[in-house]
Amino acid sequence: MTPLRNAGWDRTDGRALEWLLGLGAALVAVFSVIIPLLGVFGVLDGGASSRIVGLRSATTAQDTGGADGMTLTGTHQAELSFAQPDLAQRTLLVLPELFTGVMLLVIAYLLFCTVRTVRTGDPFVPANARRVAGIAGAVLAMGVTGPVLDMITTAQLVGGTVADQHVVAEGTFSAAPILLGLLIAALSEVFRRGARLRADTEGLV
């Protein structure tokens, strides 16, 4: 069966969206993956040396004064800074950001593949249903796994140090990415049903 083409969607629209997705993926790769990795390995000065953390409700302004190689300043929220973080500390500091960057790259790639099929006029294929489901999974992972990584890595950074008595290892969960992920998962079901309907229709021709 010849693919149906949407009169409101031409090849130029598809190309433009593909270029935008490519540009977005490149920016994410540079600022959320490559630069943090360079900071982990000490290539960039001042990279991967601090994080904003939550403090216990009973804590007023605190400063560890450089004990254990770290400084903690703030009231209800504070900046946890390391004078000379080692490789393990730098890795823990950037791990949540790296995870988010990788998930965004996965989303950009799956969107790119989906847009290419829309440009050819054949969006309702089984592969697109899987791609949209993958996008939903990545969005949900950012909404759930991201805050958990924040909590775990913060606990590892301050565990056994003087800052441990002041810092609350917590993750900030938001309903927005979870709801968005569920909506995209529902959209993947639409693609799946559309692909099945298309296959059934082709079988009748």
N, C-alpha and C. Protein backbone atom coordinates (compact mmCIF):
# COMPACT_ATOMS: atom_id res chain seq x y z
N MET A 1 0.85 -1.20 0.00
CA MET A 1 0.00 0.00 0.00
C MET A 1 0.88 1.24 0.00
N THR A 2 0.51 2.24 -0.83
CA THR A 2 1.29 3.47 -0.90
C THR A 2 1.05 4.30 0.35
N PRO A 3 2.13 4.79 1.01
CA PRO A 3 1.96 5.58 2.22
C PRO A 3 1.13 6.83 1.96
N LEU A 4 0.26 7.16 2.88
CA LEU A 4 -0.55 8.36 2.79
C LEU A 4 0.25 9.54 3.30
N ARG A 5 0.16 10.65 2.59
CA ARG A 5 0.92 11.82 2.99
C ARG A 5 -0.01 12.89 3.54
N ASN A 6 0.43 13.50 4.61
CA ASN A 6 -0.35 14.55 5.25
C ASN A 6 -0.13 15.86 4.50
N ALA A 7 -1.22 16.46 4.04
CA ALA A 7 -1.08 17.69 3.27
C ALA A 7 -0.47 18.81 4.09
N GLY A 8 -0.63 18.77 5.40
CA GLY A 8 -0.07 19.81 6.24
C GLY A 8 1.35 19.52 6.70
N TRP A 9 1.93 18.45 6.21
CA TRP A 9 3.28 18.06 6.65
C TRP A 9 4.08 17.68 5.41
N ASP A 10 5.01 18.53 4.98
CA ASP A 10 5.80 18.22 3.80
C ASP A 10 7.21 17.84 4.20
N ARG A 11 8.05 17.57 3.19
CA ARG A 11 9.41 17.12 3.44
C ARG A 11 10.24 18.20 4.13
N THR A 12 9.93 19.48 3.82
CA THR A 12 10.67 20.58 4.45
C THR A 12 10.40 20.62 5.95
N ASP A 13 9.14 20.42 6.34
CA ASP A 13 8.80 20.38 7.77
C ASP A 13 9.58 19.27 8.47
N GLY A 14 9.60 18.09 7.84
CA GLY A 14 10.31 16.97 8.43
C GLY A 14 11.79 17.23 8.57
N ARG A 15 12.39 17.78 7.52
CA ARG A 15 13.82 18.09 7.56
C ARG A 15 14.13 19.11 8.65
N ALA A 16 13.28 20.14 8.75
CA ALA A 16 13.51 21.18 9.76
C ALA A 16 13.44 20.59 11.16
N LEU A 17 12.46 19.73 11.41
CA LEU A 17 12.33 19.13 12.73
C LEU A 17 13.51 18.20 13.03
N GLU A 18 13.97 17.48 12.01
CA GLU A 18 15.14 16.61 12.20
C GLU A 18 16.37 17.43 12.55
N TRP A 19 16.56 18.57 11.87
CA TRP A 19 17.70 19.43 12.19
C TRP A 19 17.60 19.99 13.61
N LEU A 20 16.39 20.39 14.01
CA LEU A 20 16.20 20.90 15.37
C LEU A 20 16.50 19.83 16.41
N LEU A 21 16.04 18.61 16.16
CA LEU A 21 16.32 17.51 17.08
C LEU A 21 17.81 17.23 17.13
N GLY A 22 18.47 17.27 15.97
CA GLY A 22 19.91 17.05 15.93
C GLY A 22 20.67 18.12 16.70
N LEU A 23 20.24 19.38 16.53
CA LEU A 23 20.89 20.48 17.25
C LEU A 23 20.67 20.34 18.75
N GLY A 24 19.44 20.01 19.14
CA GLY A 24 19.17 19.82 20.57
C GLY A 24 19.98 18.69 21.16
N ALA A 25 20.10 17.58 20.42
CA ALA A 25 20.88 16.44 20.90
C ALA A 25 22.35 16.82 21.04
N ALA A 26 22.86 17.62 20.08
CA ALA A 26 24.26 18.03 20.15
C ALA A 26 24.51 18.90 21.38
N LEU A 27 23.59 19.83 21.67
CA LEU A 27 23.74 20.69 22.84
C LEU A 27 23.69 19.88 24.13
N VAL A 28 22.76 18.93 24.19
CA VAL A 28 22.67 18.06 25.38
C VAL A 28 23.95 17.25 25.54
N ALA A 29 24.45 16.71 24.43
CA ALA A 29 25.67 15.90 24.49
C ALA A 29 26.85 16.71 25.02
N VAL A 30 26.95 17.97 24.57
CA VAL A 30 28.08 18.80 24.99
C VAL A 30 27.94 19.22 26.45
N PHE A 31 26.79 19.80 26.81
CA PHE A 31 26.65 20.42 28.13
C PHE A 31 26.24 19.46 29.24
N SER A 32 25.57 18.37 28.90
CA SER A 32 25.09 17.45 29.94
C SER A 32 25.85 16.13 30.00
N VAL A 33 26.70 15.88 29.01
CA VAL A 33 27.45 14.62 29.01
C VAL A 33 28.95 14.88 28.90
N ILE A 34 29.39 15.55 27.83
CA ILE A 34 30.83 15.71 27.59
C ILE A 34 31.48 16.59 28.64
N ILE A 35 30.91 17.78 28.89
CA ILE A 35 31.52 18.69 29.87
C ILE A 35 31.54 18.08 31.27
N PRO A 36 30.43 17.48 31.76
CA PRO A 36 30.52 16.81 33.06
C PRO A 36 31.57 15.70 33.11
N LEU A 37 31.70 14.92 32.03
CA LEU A 37 32.72 13.87 32.00
C LEU A 37 34.12 14.45 32.05
N LEU A 38 34.33 15.56 31.35
CA LEU A 38 35.64 16.22 31.42
C LEU A 38 35.92 16.70 32.84
N GLY A 39 34.86 17.16 33.53
CA GLY A 39 35.03 17.56 34.93
C GLY A 39 35.37 16.39 35.82
N VAL A 40 34.77 15.23 35.56
CA VAL A 40 35.07 14.03 36.35
C VAL A 40 36.54 13.67 36.27
N PHE A 41 37.10 13.74 35.07
CA PHE A 41 38.50 13.35 34.87
C PHE A 41 39.48 14.49 35.08
N GLY A 42 38.97 15.62 35.61
CA GLY A 42 39.85 16.72 35.97
C GLY A 42 40.38 17.53 34.82
N VAL A 43 39.78 17.39 33.64
CA VAL A 43 40.24 18.15 32.48
C VAL A 43 39.84 19.61 32.60
N LEU A 44 38.65 19.87 33.15
CA LEU A 44 38.17 21.24 33.34
C LEU A 44 38.40 21.68 34.77
N ASP A 45 39.02 22.84 34.94
CA ASP A 45 39.25 23.39 36.27
C ASP A 45 37.92 23.84 36.88
N GLY A 46 37.71 23.48 38.13
CA GLY A 46 36.50 23.89 38.83
C GLY A 46 35.28 23.08 38.51
N GLY A 47 35.42 22.10 37.62
CA GLY A 47 34.27 21.28 37.26
C GLY A 47 34.03 20.20 38.30
N ALA A 48 32.78 19.81 38.46
CA ALA A 48 32.39 18.71 39.34
C ALA A 48 32.99 18.86 40.74
N SER A 49 32.70 19.99 41.40
CA SER A 49 33.25 20.21 42.74
C SER A 49 32.20 20.63 43.76
N SER A 50 30.94 20.79 43.37
CA SER A 50 29.93 21.25 44.33
C SER A 50 28.55 20.75 43.93
N ARG A 51 27.64 20.83 44.91
CA ARG A 51 26.25 20.43 44.69
C ARG A 51 25.37 21.15 45.71
N ILE A 52 24.15 21.50 45.30
CA ILE A 52 23.18 22.07 46.21
C ILE A 52 22.48 20.93 46.95
N VAL A 53 22.46 21.00 48.27
CA VAL A 53 21.87 19.94 49.08
C VAL A 53 20.88 20.55 50.07
N GLY A 54 20.01 19.71 50.61
CA GLY A 54 19.06 20.14 51.63
C GLY A 54 19.65 19.97 53.02
N LEU A 55 19.25 20.84 53.94
CA LEU A 55 19.73 20.77 55.32
C LEU A 55 18.58 20.37 56.24
N ARG A 56 18.93 19.83 57.38
CA ARG A 56 17.91 19.45 58.36
C ARG A 56 17.18 20.70 58.85
N SER A 57 15.89 20.55 59.14
CA SER A 57 15.05 21.70 59.47
C SER A 57 15.55 22.46 60.69
N ALA A 58 16.20 21.76 61.61
CA ALA A 58 16.68 22.42 62.83
C ALA A 58 18.01 23.11 62.62
N THR A 59 18.59 23.00 61.42
CA THR A 59 19.92 23.55 61.17
C THR A 59 19.83 25.00 60.75
N THR A 60 20.61 25.86 61.40
CA THR A 60 20.74 27.24 60.96
C THR A 60 21.98 27.32 60.08
N ALA A 61 22.47 28.53 59.82
CA ALA A 61 23.63 28.69 58.94
C ALA A 61 24.80 27.89 59.49
N GLN A 62 25.37 27.05 58.63
CA GLN A 62 26.46 26.18 59.04
C GLN A 62 27.63 26.34 58.08
N ASP A 63 28.81 26.13 58.59
CA ASP A 63 30.01 26.13 57.75
C ASP A 63 30.96 25.12 58.36
N THR A 64 31.26 24.07 57.61
CA THR A 64 32.14 23.03 58.15
C THR A 64 33.58 23.49 58.20
N GLY A 65 33.87 24.65 57.61
CA GLY A 65 35.21 25.18 57.71
C GLY A 65 36.27 24.37 56.99
N GLY A 66 35.88 23.61 56.00
CA GLY A 66 36.84 22.84 55.23
C GLY A 66 37.17 21.50 55.81
N ALA A 67 36.45 21.07 56.84
CA ALA A 67 36.70 19.75 57.41
C ALA A 67 36.40 18.68 56.37
N ASP A 68 37.22 17.63 56.36
CA ASP A 68 37.09 16.53 55.41
C ASP A 68 37.21 17.00 53.97
N GLY A 69 37.84 18.16 53.77
CA GLY A 69 38.03 18.66 52.41
C GLY A 69 36.79 19.25 51.79
N MET A 70 35.74 19.50 52.59
CA MET A 70 34.50 20.04 52.05
C MET A 70 34.03 21.21 52.87
N THR A 71 33.23 22.07 52.23
CA THR A 71 32.65 23.22 52.89
C THR A 71 31.15 23.21 52.65
N LEU A 72 30.38 23.45 53.71
CA LEU A 72 28.93 23.46 53.63
C LEU A 72 28.43 24.79 54.16
N THR A 73 27.80 25.58 53.30
CA THR A 73 27.30 26.89 53.72
C THR A 73 25.85 27.04 53.30
N GLY A 74 25.02 27.60 54.19
CA GLY A 74 23.63 27.83 53.84
C GLY A 74 22.73 27.69 55.04
N THR A 75 21.42 27.77 54.81
CA THR A 75 20.44 27.63 55.88
C THR A 75 19.59 26.39 55.61
N HIS A 76 18.46 26.55 54.93
CA HIS A 76 17.62 25.38 54.62
C HIS A 76 18.15 24.62 53.40
N GLN A 77 18.81 25.35 52.50
CA GLN A 77 19.54 24.73 51.39
C GLN A 77 20.95 25.25 51.42
N ALA A 78 21.88 24.43 50.99
CA ALA A 78 23.28 24.83 51.06
C ALA A 78 24.06 24.29 49.88
N GLU A 79 25.20 24.91 49.64
CA GLU A 79 26.12 24.42 48.62
C GLU A 79 27.19 23.58 49.30
N LEU A 80 27.25 22.33 48.90
CA LEU A 80 28.27 21.42 49.40
C LEU A 80 29.45 21.47 48.44
N SER A 81 30.57 22.03 48.89
CA SER A 81 31.73 22.23 48.02
C SER A 81 32.91 21.40 48.49
N PHE A 82 33.67 20.89 47.52
CA PHE A 82 34.88 20.12 47.80
C PHE A 82 36.08 20.90 47.28
N ALA A 83 37.07 21.11 48.16
CA ALA A 83 38.26 21.85 47.75
C ALA A 83 39.04 21.09 46.69
N GLN A 84 39.28 19.82 46.92
CA GLN A 84 40.01 18.98 45.97
C GLN A 84 39.33 17.61 45.89
N PRO A 85 38.21 17.53 45.18
CA PRO A 85 37.48 16.26 45.11
C PRO A 85 38.29 15.21 44.36
N ASP A 86 38.23 13.97 44.86
CA ASP A 86 38.90 12.89 44.15
C ASP A 86 37.99 12.36 43.05
N LEU A 87 38.47 11.34 42.33
CA LEU A 87 37.71 10.81 41.19
C LEU A 87 36.35 10.29 41.62
N ALA A 88 36.29 9.58 42.75
CA ALA A 88 35.02 9.02 43.21
C ALA A 88 34.03 10.13 43.55
N GLN A 89 34.51 11.18 44.23
CA GLN A 89 33.62 12.29 44.59
C GLN A 89 33.13 13.03 43.35
N ARG A 90 34.02 13.26 42.39
CA ARG A 90 33.59 13.94 41.16
C ARG A 90 32.56 13.11 40.40
N THR A 91 32.76 11.80 40.41
CA THR A 91 31.79 10.92 39.73
C THR A 91 30.43 11.00 40.40
N LEU A 92 30.41 10.95 41.73
CA LEU A 92 29.14 11.04 42.46
C LEU A 92 28.46 12.39 42.24
N LEU A 93 29.25 13.45 42.14
CA LEU A 93 28.69 14.78 41.95
C LEU A 93 27.97 14.94 40.61
N VAL A 94 28.50 14.31 39.57
CA VAL A 94 27.92 14.52 38.23
C VAL A 94 27.01 13.39 37.78
N LEU A 95 26.94 12.30 38.54
CA LEU A 95 26.18 11.14 38.10
C LEU A 95 24.71 11.45 37.78
N PRO A 96 23.98 12.20 38.63
CA PRO A 96 22.59 12.51 38.27
C PRO A 96 22.48 13.31 36.98
N GLU A 97 23.37 14.28 36.80
CA GLU A 97 23.35 15.09 35.58
C GLU A 97 23.67 14.24 34.35
N LEU A 98 24.64 13.35 34.49
CA LEU A 98 24.99 12.46 33.38
C LEU A 98 23.81 11.57 33.01
N PHE A 99 23.14 11.04 34.03
CA PHE A 99 21.99 10.17 33.78
C PHE A 99 20.91 10.92 33.00
N THR A 100 20.61 12.15 33.44
CA THR A 100 19.60 12.94 32.74
C THR A 100 20.02 13.23 31.31
N GLY A 101 21.31 13.56 31.11
CA GLY A 101 21.80 13.83 29.77
C GLY A 101 21.66 12.64 28.85
N VAL A 102 22.00 11.45 29.36
CA VAL A 102 21.89 10.23 28.55
C VAL A 102 20.43 9.95 28.20
N MET A 103 19.53 10.13 29.16
CA MET A 103 18.11 9.91 28.89
C MET A 103 17.59 10.89 27.84
N LEU A 104 18.04 12.14 27.90
CA LEU A 104 17.63 13.12 26.90
C LEU A 104 18.15 12.75 25.51
N LEU A 105 19.36 12.21 25.45
CA LEU A 105 19.89 11.76 24.16
C LEU A 105 19.08 10.59 23.61
N VAL A 106 18.69 9.68 24.49
CA VAL A 106 17.85 8.56 24.07
C VAL A 106 16.52 9.07 23.51
N ILE A 107 15.92 10.03 24.21
CA ILE A 107 14.65 10.61 23.74
C ILE A 107 14.83 11.28 22.39
N ALA A 108 15.91 12.06 22.23
CA ALA A 108 16.15 12.75 20.97
C ALA A 108 16.33 11.76 19.82
N TYR A 109 17.06 10.68 20.08
CA TYR A 109 17.28 9.67 19.03
C TYR A 109 15.97 9.00 18.63
N LEU A 110 15.17 8.61 19.62
CA LEU A 110 13.91 7.94 19.31
C LEU A 110 12.94 8.88 18.60
N LEU A 111 12.93 10.15 19.01
CA LEU A 111 12.10 11.13 18.31
C LEU A 111 12.55 11.31 16.87
N PHE A 112 13.87 11.36 16.68
CA PHE A 112 14.43 11.52 15.33
C PHE A 112 13.97 10.37 14.43
N CYS A 113 14.07 9.15 14.94
CA CYS A 113 13.66 7.98 14.15
C CYS A 113 12.16 8.02 13.85
N THR A 114 11.37 8.49 14.81
CA THR A 114 9.93 8.58 14.60
C THR A 114 9.58 9.64 13.57
N VAL A 115 10.24 10.80 13.66
CA VAL A 115 9.97 11.89 12.72
C VAL A 115 10.30 11.47 11.29
N ARG A 116 11.34 10.69 11.11
CA ARG A 116 11.71 10.24 9.77
C ARG A 116 10.58 9.42 9.14
N THR A 117 9.91 8.61 9.94
CA THR A 117 8.80 7.83 9.38
C THR A 117 7.60 8.71 9.08
N VAL A 118 7.39 9.76 9.90
CA VAL A 118 6.30 10.70 9.63
C VAL A 118 6.56 11.43 8.31
N ARG A 119 7.83 11.78 8.07
CA ARG A 119 8.19 12.48 6.83
C ARG A 119 7.91 11.63 5.60
N THR A 120 8.08 10.33 5.73
CA THR A 120 7.80 9.44 4.60
C THR A 120 6.32 9.09 4.50
N GLY A 121 5.51 9.58 5.43
CA GLY A 121 4.07 9.37 5.37
C GLY A 121 3.60 8.06 5.95
N ASP A 122 4.44 7.40 6.76
CA ASP A 122 4.06 6.08 7.29
C ASP A 122 4.37 6.00 8.78
N PRO A 123 3.66 6.80 9.62
CA PRO A 123 3.99 6.82 11.05
C PRO A 123 3.48 5.63 11.84
N PHE A 124 2.38 5.02 11.39
CA PHE A 124 1.78 3.94 12.18
C PHE A 124 2.38 2.59 11.81
N VAL A 125 3.59 2.40 12.32
CA VAL A 125 4.31 1.14 12.13
C VAL A 125 4.67 0.61 13.52
N PRO A 126 4.84 -0.71 13.66
CA PRO A 126 5.16 -1.27 14.98
C PRO A 126 6.41 -0.67 15.61
N ALA A 127 7.41 -0.33 14.78
CA ALA A 127 8.65 0.23 15.32
C ALA A 127 8.39 1.55 16.03
N ASN A 128 7.47 2.37 15.50
CA ASN A 128 7.17 3.65 16.15
C ASN A 128 6.47 3.45 17.48
N ALA A 129 5.64 2.44 17.58
CA ALA A 129 5.00 2.15 18.87
C ALA A 129 6.06 1.83 19.92
N ARG A 130 7.07 1.05 19.51
CA ARG A 130 8.16 0.72 20.45
C ARG A 130 8.98 1.96 20.78
N ARG A 131 9.21 2.81 19.78
CA ARG A 131 9.99 4.03 20.03
C ARG A 131 9.28 4.97 20.99
N VAL A 132 7.99 5.17 20.79
CA VAL A 132 7.24 6.05 21.69
C VAL A 132 7.18 5.46 23.09
N ALA A 133 7.07 4.13 23.19
CA ALA A 133 7.12 3.49 24.51
C ALA A 133 8.49 3.71 25.15
N GLY A 134 9.55 3.67 24.34
CA GLY A 134 10.89 3.94 24.87
C GLY A 134 11.02 5.36 25.37
N ILE A 135 10.43 6.32 24.65
CA ILE A 135 10.44 7.71 25.09
C ILE A 135 9.71 7.84 26.43
N ALA A 136 8.57 7.17 26.55
CA ALA A 136 7.82 7.20 27.81
C ALA A 136 8.66 6.65 28.95
N GLY A 137 9.37 5.55 28.69
CA GLY A 137 10.22 4.96 29.72
C GLY A 137 11.34 5.89 30.13
N ALA A 138 11.94 6.60 29.16
CA ALA A 138 13.03 7.53 29.47
C ALA A 138 12.53 8.71 30.29
N VAL A 139 11.35 9.24 29.95
CA VAL A 139 10.79 10.36 30.71
C VAL A 139 10.46 9.92 32.14
N LEU A 140 9.87 8.75 32.28
CA LEU A 140 9.57 8.24 33.62
C LEU A 140 10.85 8.00 34.42
N ALA A 141 11.89 7.51 33.75
CA ALA A 141 13.16 7.28 34.43
C ALA A 141 13.74 8.58 34.96
N MET A 142 13.64 9.66 34.16
CA MET A 142 14.14 10.95 34.63
C MET A 142 13.35 11.44 35.84
N GLY A 143 12.04 11.18 35.83
CA GLY A 143 11.21 11.65 36.93
C GLY A 143 11.35 10.86 38.20
N VAL A 144 11.73 9.57 38.08
CA VAL A 144 11.81 8.70 39.26
C VAL A 144 13.26 8.38 39.62
N THR A 145 14.02 7.89 38.65
CA THR A 145 15.40 7.48 38.93
C THR A 145 16.31 8.67 39.19
N GLY A 146 16.06 9.80 38.50
CA GLY A 146 16.90 10.98 38.71
C GLY A 146 16.93 11.44 40.16
N PRO A 147 15.78 11.69 40.80
CA PRO A 147 15.79 12.07 42.21
C PRO A 147 16.39 11.01 43.13
N VAL A 148 16.17 9.73 42.80
CA VAL A 148 16.77 8.66 43.62
C VAL A 148 18.29 8.72 43.53
N LEU A 149 18.82 8.98 42.34
CA LEU A 149 20.27 9.12 42.18
C LEU A 149 20.79 10.30 42.99
N ASP A 150 20.04 11.41 42.98
CA ASP A 150 20.43 12.57 43.80
C ASP A 150 20.55 12.17 45.27
N MET A 151 19.57 11.44 45.76
CA MET A 151 19.54 11.04 47.16
C MET A 151 20.69 10.10 47.49
N ILE A 152 20.91 9.09 46.63
CA ILE A 152 21.94 8.10 46.91
C ILE A 152 23.33 8.72 46.85
N THR A 153 23.59 9.51 45.81
CA THR A 153 24.93 10.09 45.66
C THR A 153 25.22 11.12 46.75
N THR A 154 24.21 11.88 47.17
CA THR A 154 24.43 12.83 48.27
C THR A 154 24.78 12.09 49.56
N ALA A 155 24.06 10.99 49.82
CA ALA A 155 24.36 10.19 51.02
C ALA A 155 25.77 9.64 50.96
N GLN A 156 26.22 9.21 49.79
CA GLN A 156 27.57 8.69 49.65
C GLN A 156 28.62 9.79 49.83
N LEU A 157 28.31 10.99 49.36
CA LEU A 157 29.27 12.09 49.45
C LEU A 157 29.50 12.54 50.89
N VAL A 158 28.44 12.58 51.70
CA VAL A 158 28.58 13.12 53.06
C VAL A 158 28.70 12.03 54.12
N GLY A 159 28.49 10.77 53.74
CA GLY A 159 28.55 9.69 54.72
C GLY A 159 29.88 9.61 55.43
N GLY A 160 29.86 9.58 56.76
CA GLY A 160 31.08 9.48 57.54
C GLY A 160 31.85 10.76 57.67
N THR A 161 31.27 11.90 57.24
CA THR A 161 31.95 13.19 57.35
C THR A 161 31.21 14.08 58.34
N VAL A 162 31.81 15.22 58.67
CA VAL A 162 31.18 16.14 59.60
C VAL A 162 29.90 16.74 59.01
N ALA A 163 29.81 16.78 57.67
CA ALA A 163 28.61 17.34 57.04
C ALA A 163 27.41 16.41 57.15
N ASP A 164 27.64 15.16 57.48
CA ASP A 164 26.56 14.17 57.52
C ASP A 164 25.48 14.55 58.53
N GLN A 165 25.87 15.21 59.62
CA GLN A 165 24.89 15.56 60.65
C GLN A 165 24.03 16.76 60.24
N HIS A 166 24.43 17.47 59.19
CA HIS A 166 23.68 18.64 58.75
C HIS A 166 22.86 18.38 57.48
N VAL A 167 23.34 17.50 56.61
CA VAL A 167 22.74 17.32 55.29
C VAL A 167 21.65 16.26 55.31
N VAL A 168 20.56 16.54 54.63
CA VAL A 168 19.49 15.56 54.42
C VAL A 168 19.64 15.02 53.00
N ALA A 169 19.91 13.73 52.90
CA ALA A 169 20.01 13.11 51.57
C ALA A 169 18.60 12.84 51.07
N GLU A 170 18.13 13.72 50.20
CA GLU A 170 16.75 13.61 49.73
C GLU A 170 16.70 13.85 48.23
N GLY A 171 15.66 13.32 47.63
CA GLY A 171 15.42 13.56 46.21
C GLY A 171 14.13 14.35 46.05
N THR A 172 14.13 15.29 45.13
CA THR A 172 12.95 16.11 44.88
C THR A 172 12.16 15.52 43.72
N PHE A 173 11.03 14.92 44.05
CA PHE A 173 10.20 14.30 43.03
C PHE A 173 9.16 15.31 42.53
N SER A 174 8.91 15.27 41.24
CA SER A 174 7.90 16.14 40.62
C SER A 174 6.89 15.27 39.88
N ALA A 175 5.63 15.68 39.97
CA ALA A 175 4.59 14.91 39.29
C ALA A 175 4.61 15.12 37.78
N ALA A 176 5.16 16.26 37.33
CA ALA A 176 5.10 16.61 35.91
C ALA A 176 5.73 15.55 35.00
N PRO A 177 7.01 15.15 35.23
CA PRO A 177 7.58 14.15 34.33
C PRO A 177 6.90 12.79 34.41
N ILE A 178 6.38 12.45 35.59
CA ILE A 178 5.68 11.17 35.73
C ILE A 178 4.38 11.18 34.93
N LEU A 179 3.62 12.28 35.05
CA LEU A 179 2.38 12.39 34.27
C LEU A 179 2.67 12.44 32.78
N LEU A 180 3.73 13.17 32.40
CA LEU A 180 4.10 13.25 30.99
C LEU A 180 4.49 11.88 30.46
N GLY A 181 5.25 11.13 31.25
CA GLY A 181 5.63 9.78 30.84
C GLY A 181 4.43 8.88 30.64
N LEU A 182 3.45 8.99 31.53
CA LEU A 182 2.24 8.18 31.40
C LEU A 182 1.43 8.57 30.17
N LEU A 183 1.38 9.88 29.88
CA LEU A 183 0.67 10.33 28.68
C LEU A 183 1.35 9.82 27.42
N ILE A 184 2.68 9.85 27.40
CA ILE A 184 3.41 9.35 26.24
C ILE A 184 3.23 7.85 26.11
N ALA A 185 3.17 7.15 27.24
CA ALA A 185 2.91 5.70 27.20
C ALA A 185 1.54 5.43 26.58
N ALA A 186 0.55 6.27 26.91
CA ALA A 186 -0.77 6.12 26.29
C ALA A 186 -0.69 6.38 24.79
N LEU A 187 0.14 7.36 24.40
CA LEU A 187 0.32 7.64 22.98
C LEU A 187 0.95 6.46 22.25
N SER A 188 1.86 5.77 22.92
CA SER A 188 2.47 4.59 22.30
C SER A 188 1.43 3.52 22.01
N GLU A 189 0.43 3.42 22.88
CA GLU A 189 -0.66 2.46 22.64
C GLU A 189 -1.47 2.87 21.42
N VAL A 190 -1.64 4.18 21.22
CA VAL A 190 -2.33 4.67 20.02
C VAL A 190 -1.56 4.25 18.77
N PHE A 191 -0.24 4.42 18.81
CA PHE A 191 0.59 4.00 17.67
C PHE A 191 0.48 2.49 17.45
N ARG A 192 0.47 1.74 18.54
CA ARG A 192 0.40 0.28 18.41
C ARG A 192 -0.92 -0.14 17.77
N ARG A 193 -2.01 0.47 18.24
CA ARG A 193 -3.31 0.13 17.66
C ARG A 193 -3.42 0.60 16.21
N GLY A 194 -2.84 1.77 15.93
CA GLY A 194 -2.84 2.26 14.56
C GLY A 194 -2.07 1.35 13.62
N ALA A 195 -0.92 0.85 14.10
CA ALA A 195 -0.13 -0.07 13.28
C ALA A 195 -0.89 -1.37 13.03
N ARG A 196 -1.59 -1.86 14.06
CA ARG A 196 -2.35 -3.10 13.90
C ARG A 196 -3.52 -2.90 12.95
N LEU A 197 -4.20 -1.74 13.08
CA LEU A 197 -5.32 -1.44 12.18
C LEU A 197 -4.84 -1.32 10.74
N ARG A 198 -3.69 -0.70 10.57
CA ARG A 198 -3.12 -0.56 9.23
C ARG A 198 -2.82 -1.92 8.63
N ALA A 199 -2.23 -2.81 9.44
CA ALA A 199 -1.91 -4.15 8.95
C ALA A 199 -3.18 -4.91 8.59
N ASP A 200 -4.23 -4.77 9.41
CA ASP A 200 -5.49 -5.44 9.12
C ASP A 200 -6.12 -4.90 7.84
N THR A 201 -6.03 -3.58 7.65
CA THR A 201 -6.59 -2.97 6.45
C THR A 201 -5.86 -3.43 5.20
N GLU A 202 -4.53 -3.50 5.29
CA GLU A 202 -3.75 -3.97 4.14
C GLU A 202 -4.11 -5.41 3.79
N GLY A 203 -4.45 -6.20 4.81
CA GLY A 203 -4.80 -7.59 4.56
C GLY A 203 -6.12 -7.74 3.82
N LEU A 204 -6.96 -6.68 3.88
CA LEU A 204 -8.26 -6.73 3.19
C LEU A 204 -8.17 -6.27 1.75
N VAL A 205 -7.05 -5.61 1.41
CA VAL A 205 -6.91 -5.08 0.05
C VAL A 205 -6.44 -6.17 -0.90
